[in-house]
Every structure is written in structure tokens, then in C-alpha cells.
Protein backbone atom coordinates (compact mmCIF):
# COMPACT_ATOMS: atom_id res chain seq x y z
CA UNK A 1 169.01 42.09 267.41
CA UNK A 2 168.63 39.36 264.67
CA UNK A 3 165.06 38.67 262.55
CA UNK A 4 164.75 35.63 259.94
CA UNK A 5 161.65 35.27 257.95
CA UNK A 6 161.05 31.61 257.83
CA UNK A 7 157.18 31.85 255.57
CA UNK A 8 156.65 32.66 253.47
CA UNK A 9 160.16 31.76 251.06
CA UNK A 10 162.05 34.16 249.13
CA UNK A 11 160.41 34.28 245.41
CA UNK A 12 157.06 32.99 246.20
CA UNK A 13 154.24 33.15 243.99
CA UNK A 14 150.12 33.67 245.39
CA UNK A 15 147.06 33.28 243.60
CA UNK A 16 143.94 34.85 243.01
CA UNK A 17 142.61 32.97 245.82
CA UNK A 18 144.86 34.17 248.20
CA UNK A 19 143.57 37.75 247.69
CA UNK A 20 144.82 41.49 249.17
CA UNK A 21 147.38 40.37 251.81
CA UNK A 22 149.15 37.47 252.94
CA UNK A 23 151.05 36.37 256.17
CA UNK A 24 154.61 36.63 257.09
CA UNK A 25 156.19 34.33 259.92
CA UNK A 26 159.60 34.34 261.34
CA UNK A 27 161.71 34.24 264.34
CA UNK A 28 164.01 36.98 265.98
CA UNK A 29 166.28 37.79 268.97
CA UNK A 30 166.03 41.25 270.45
CA UNK A 31 166.22 42.49 273.80
CA UNK A 32 162.90 42.85 275.91
CA UNK A 33 160.58 45.80 274.75
CA UNK A 34 161.58 45.35 270.89
CA UNK A 35 159.54 46.25 268.47
CA UNK A 36 158.77 44.05 265.00
CA UNK A 37 156.98 44.79 261.70
CA UNK A 38 156.58 43.99 258.83
CA UNK A 39 156.48 46.35 255.90
CA UNK A 40 155.45 48.84 258.55
CA UNK A 41 152.70 46.50 259.33
CA UNK A 42 153.01 46.04 263.25
CA UNK A 43 153.99 42.02 264.30
CA UNK A 44 152.51 40.30 266.80
CA UNK A 45 155.14 38.21 268.91
CA UNK A 46 154.95 34.88 271.00
CA UNK A 47 158.37 34.55 272.95
CA UNK A 48 160.91 34.77 270.36
CA UNK A 49 158.50 34.05 267.03
CA UNK A 50 156.44 36.21 264.96
CA UNK A 51 153.32 37.24 262.80
CA UNK A 52 152.04 39.48 260.84
CA UNK A 53 148.91 37.96 259.45
CA UNK A 54 147.62 40.64 256.93
CA UNK A 55 150.63 42.37 255.17
CA UNK A 56 149.22 44.02 252.02
CA UNK A 57 150.31 42.95 248.25
CA UNK A 58 152.03 45.80 246.28
CA UNK A 59 150.89 47.21 243.45
CA UNK A 60 153.92 47.04 241.64
CA UNK A 61 155.43 45.90 238.28
CA UNK A 62 154.82 42.05 237.42
CA UNK A 63 153.02 41.84 241.02
CA UNK A 64 156.40 41.95 242.79
CA UNK A 65 156.09 42.67 246.77
CA UNK A 66 159.11 43.08 248.20
CA UNK A 67 159.02 42.39 252.12
CA UNK A 68 161.23 43.82 254.63
CA UNK A 69 160.94 42.02 258.36
CA UNK A 70 162.40 44.67 260.61
CA UNK A 71 163.43 44.27 264.70
CA UNK A 72 164.04 47.20 266.65
CA UNK A 73 165.33 47.15 270.29
CA UNK A 74 164.45 50.12 272.60
CA UNK A 75 167.91 51.74 272.47
CA UNK A 76 167.90 52.20 268.78
CA UNK A 77 169.74 49.30 267.48
CA UNK A 78 168.01 47.18 264.76
CA UNK A 79 168.36 44.36 262.09
CA UNK A 80 166.22 43.49 259.11
CA UNK A 81 164.78 40.24 256.77
CA UNK A 82 164.15 40.56 253.04
CA UNK A 83 162.55 38.54 250.57
CA UNK A 84 159.68 38.81 247.61
CA UNK A 85 157.26 37.73 246.87
CA UNK A 86 155.12 37.65 243.50
CA UNK A 87 151.55 37.97 243.24
CA UNK A 88 149.80 36.41 240.32
CA UNK A 89 145.96 37.85 239.54
CA UNK A 90 144.16 35.26 237.47
CA UNK A 91 144.93 31.99 235.86
CA UNK A 92 147.37 31.11 233.47
CA UNK A 93 146.72 31.26 229.96
CA UNK A 94 148.72 30.34 226.34
CA UNK A 95 149.57 33.44 224.58
CA UNK A 96 151.41 31.88 221.47
CA UNK A 97 152.84 28.52 220.53
CA UNK A 98 155.21 27.07 217.61
CA UNK A 99 154.11 26.27 215.24
CA UNK A 100 151.46 28.33 215.06
CA UNK A 101 148.01 26.95 214.79
CA UNK A 102 147.68 26.06 210.61
CA UNK A 103 151.31 26.25 209.72
CA UNK A 104 152.27 24.41 207.03
CA UNK A 105 155.63 23.76 205.04
CA UNK A 106 156.52 22.90 208.96
CA UNK A 107 160.51 21.96 209.39
CA UNK A 108 160.57 18.02 210.47
CA UNK A 109 163.36 18.89 212.97
CA UNK A 110 161.02 22.83 214.11
CA UNK A 111 161.16 22.62 218.18
CA UNK A 112 157.90 23.46 219.57
CA UNK A 113 157.50 26.26 221.85
CA UNK A 114 154.48 27.18 223.84
CA UNK A 115 154.32 31.03 225.58
CA UNK A 116 152.58 30.78 228.97
CA UNK A 117 151.62 34.48 230.73
CA UNK A 118 152.71 33.03 233.41
CA UNK A 119 155.75 30.78 235.18
CA UNK A 120 154.86 27.65 235.34
CA UNK A 121 155.08 24.41 237.10
CA UNK A 122 157.54 22.06 235.03
CA UNK A 123 156.14 18.93 237.42
CA UNK A 124 152.31 19.84 236.73
CA UNK A 125 153.32 20.32 232.93
CA UNK A 126 155.35 16.93 231.91
CA UNK A 127 151.57 15.60 232.72
CA UNK A 128 149.98 18.30 230.98
CA UNK A 129 152.09 18.92 227.93
CA UNK A 130 151.88 16.25 224.77
CA UNK A 131 152.71 16.87 221.27
CA UNK A 132 150.38 13.95 219.32
CA UNK A 133 150.00 13.02 215.92
CA UNK A 134 146.57 13.80 214.75
CA UNK A 135 144.28 10.73 214.49
CA UNK A 136 147.46 8.55 216.31
CA UNK A 137 149.71 8.46 219.13
CA UNK A 138 151.55 10.87 221.11
CA UNK A 139 155.30 11.51 220.07
CA UNK A 140 158.30 10.83 222.55
CA UNK A 141 161.08 13.77 223.01
CA UNK A 142 162.46 15.92 225.88
CA UNK A 143 160.36 18.57 227.39
CA UNK A 144 162.01 21.83 229.24
CA UNK A 145 160.85 24.91 230.65
CA UNK A 146 162.36 28.22 231.12
CA UNK A 147 160.20 30.06 233.15
CA UNK A 148 156.98 31.24 231.33
CA UNK A 149 158.45 29.48 228.09
CA UNK A 150 158.13 25.26 226.97
CA UNK A 151 159.78 24.05 224.37
CA UNK A 152 159.76 20.49 223.15
CA UNK A 153 162.11 18.37 221.59
CA UNK A 154 161.06 15.39 219.44
CA UNK A 155 163.13 12.22 220.23
CA UNK A 156 162.99 11.95 216.02
CA UNK A 157 162.41 14.42 212.98
CA UNK A 158 158.70 14.38 212.59
CA UNK A 159 156.91 12.75 209.42
CA UNK A 160 156.73 14.84 206.19
CA UNK A 161 153.25 15.23 205.15
CA UNK A 162 152.16 14.66 208.14
CA UNK A 163 149.75 16.93 211.06
CA UNK A 164 151.03 17.54 214.25
CA UNK A 165 149.09 18.60 217.10
CA UNK A 166 149.95 20.46 220.35
CA UNK A 167 148.07 20.09 222.98
CA UNK A 168 148.13 21.48 227.11
CA UNK A 169 145.30 20.99 229.88
CA UNK A 170 143.41 22.39 232.17
CA UNK A 171 146.41 20.39 234.63
CA UNK A 172 148.99 22.66 233.70
CA UNK A 173 149.45 25.29 236.54
CA UNK A 174 151.52 28.05 237.68
CA UNK A 175 153.85 29.00 240.52
CA UNK A 176 150.89 29.95 242.54
CA UNK A 177 149.03 26.98 241.68
CA UNK A 178 146.21 27.97 240.06
CA UNK A 179 145.35 25.71 236.80
CA UNK A 180 145.63 26.78 233.05
CA UNK A 181 142.53 28.62 232.23
CA UNK A 182 141.33 26.47 229.45
CA UNK A 183 142.75 23.16 227.18
CA UNK A 184 145.10 24.87 224.75
CA UNK A 185 145.34 23.02 221.09
CA UNK A 186 147.20 23.65 218.36
CA UNK A 187 147.62 22.12 214.89
CA UNK A 188 150.38 22.20 212.25
CA UNK A 189 151.31 20.24 209.22
CA UNK A 190 155.01 18.89 208.47
CA UNK A 191 156.08 19.79 205.04
CA UNK A 192 156.48 17.05 202.10
CA UNK A 193 159.15 17.62 200.78
CA UNK A 194 162.18 19.18 201.55
CA UNK A 195 163.51 22.24 199.87
CA UNK A 196 165.27 21.82 197.05
CA UNK A 197 166.60 25.82 196.41
CA UNK A 198 169.34 27.08 198.98
CA UNK A 199 167.47 30.54 200.47
CA UNK A 200 169.39 33.85 198.38
CA UNK A 201 169.07 37.14 199.63
CA UNK A 202 169.11 40.67 198.08
CA UNK A 203 171.54 42.46 198.13
CA UNK A 204 171.69 45.69 200.51
CA UNK A 205 172.52 49.24 198.47
CA UNK A 206 174.67 51.07 200.67
CA UNK A 207 176.22 50.76 204.64
CA UNK A 208 173.63 52.11 207.43
CA UNK A 209 173.81 52.90 210.91
CA UNK A 210 170.66 52.75 212.96
CA UNK A 211 167.63 52.28 212.00
CA UNK A 212 165.62 49.55 210.16
CA UNK A 213 166.89 47.66 207.78
CA UNK A 214 164.31 45.79 204.80
CA UNK A 215 166.09 42.20 203.96
CA UNK A 216 164.55 40.54 200.83
CA UNK A 217 164.95 37.43 199.56
CA UNK A 218 163.74 34.32 198.13
CA UNK A 219 163.01 30.43 199.12
CA UNK A 220 161.88 27.56 197.72
């Protein structure tokens, strides 16, 4: 026998709107009288296709639910297919941004970063994110997304002494299609002048192995 999971696709995401269960469909080949199950739930068979309309999400770490679809012939021979889906139980939110809100003395070449509570959809972030001069226009640059971390590299150095604002609107969505719970803003100010003295570190009293080490120094 053989079996294929057609929907959902591997590594799909589901939001709070989907409730506690999800549907699984696919196709199979097997002898007459074969038994089909999805995560132990009997599937409905129609010809060479099957469906399980109410497969429960599992309470595993990070909302992950492994899905196993199995077909078993009357003689005991079986085949299975597996995928993984993830359930996101809340609307996404911004956890942290860099530079931090109200930060000062920010380097003009700093990259802007935004950490979200869930993996985000890059297409929506392209329209929802902007870096702007306070009281001015948006800054052009390159946006990158690695799951839940957005990085923005301005096309040119930011102007010294000026204030800038990071904005993420509710047009941003996670991979389950849920919109950002609230618009996010964070303002920072670029240093008016460059440091005149290279940073220096204090001496380390002795060699250590393991544990923690406090390092002190100065910078102006």
C-alpha cells in the first residue's frame, strides 16, 4: 500500500481562528477493506482519497503537531506519510526592537532589528514595516526576515543628531495569517558626533575556566 498527505502541506501554520482541530486529506492505494487513520483518528474513504476533518492539535512545545497518516491492508501490511504543522495560539506581537525605544547615541551605521513572538510573513512585512525620520520621510533600505527576526539595513548612513522611528503596522501578519495585535513604534536618536577615543578594556586578573567573567572598560 501507499499513502500521500495532500493537505495541509508540510510545515503549515494555523492561527487561533482554526480552533482545536484541523482537517487532513490525501490519497492512497491499497487492497479492498484497508483501514485508514490520521493520528489514530479513523479517516473517511472515498475511492482512492481520504479525509479526516477533525484531527486534534497536540499540546507539544512551540505548538508543533506531528501528523501521521497510515493505511493498513487486511493482511497487515501498512504504509504511512508524515508532516508537521504548527498552531499559533495568539496574535503576533513585537517582543523587542533595536535600537531600543528612546535610545540615544546610536551609531549611524546601525542595523534596525525587530523580534516578533511568531514567525512572520515577509510579504506583509514589506508593506507594514518602515524606518522614517521623525517629522520626515521614510528611509530606503533592504529588509530581511529570518522567521521571527526582521533586519533592516538602510541604504545610506543615518544622519548624525537626527531622530528616527521604527514602525510596524497591523498589516503585518504571521505565517498563520493573523495580524499584528497592535501597531508598534520605537524612536531613537543617532549620535551627534563620532567617538573621539577608542574603547579600552581593563586587565583580566587571572585565567579562568568556566563560570562567568565580568569585563570592564571605558568608551567616549
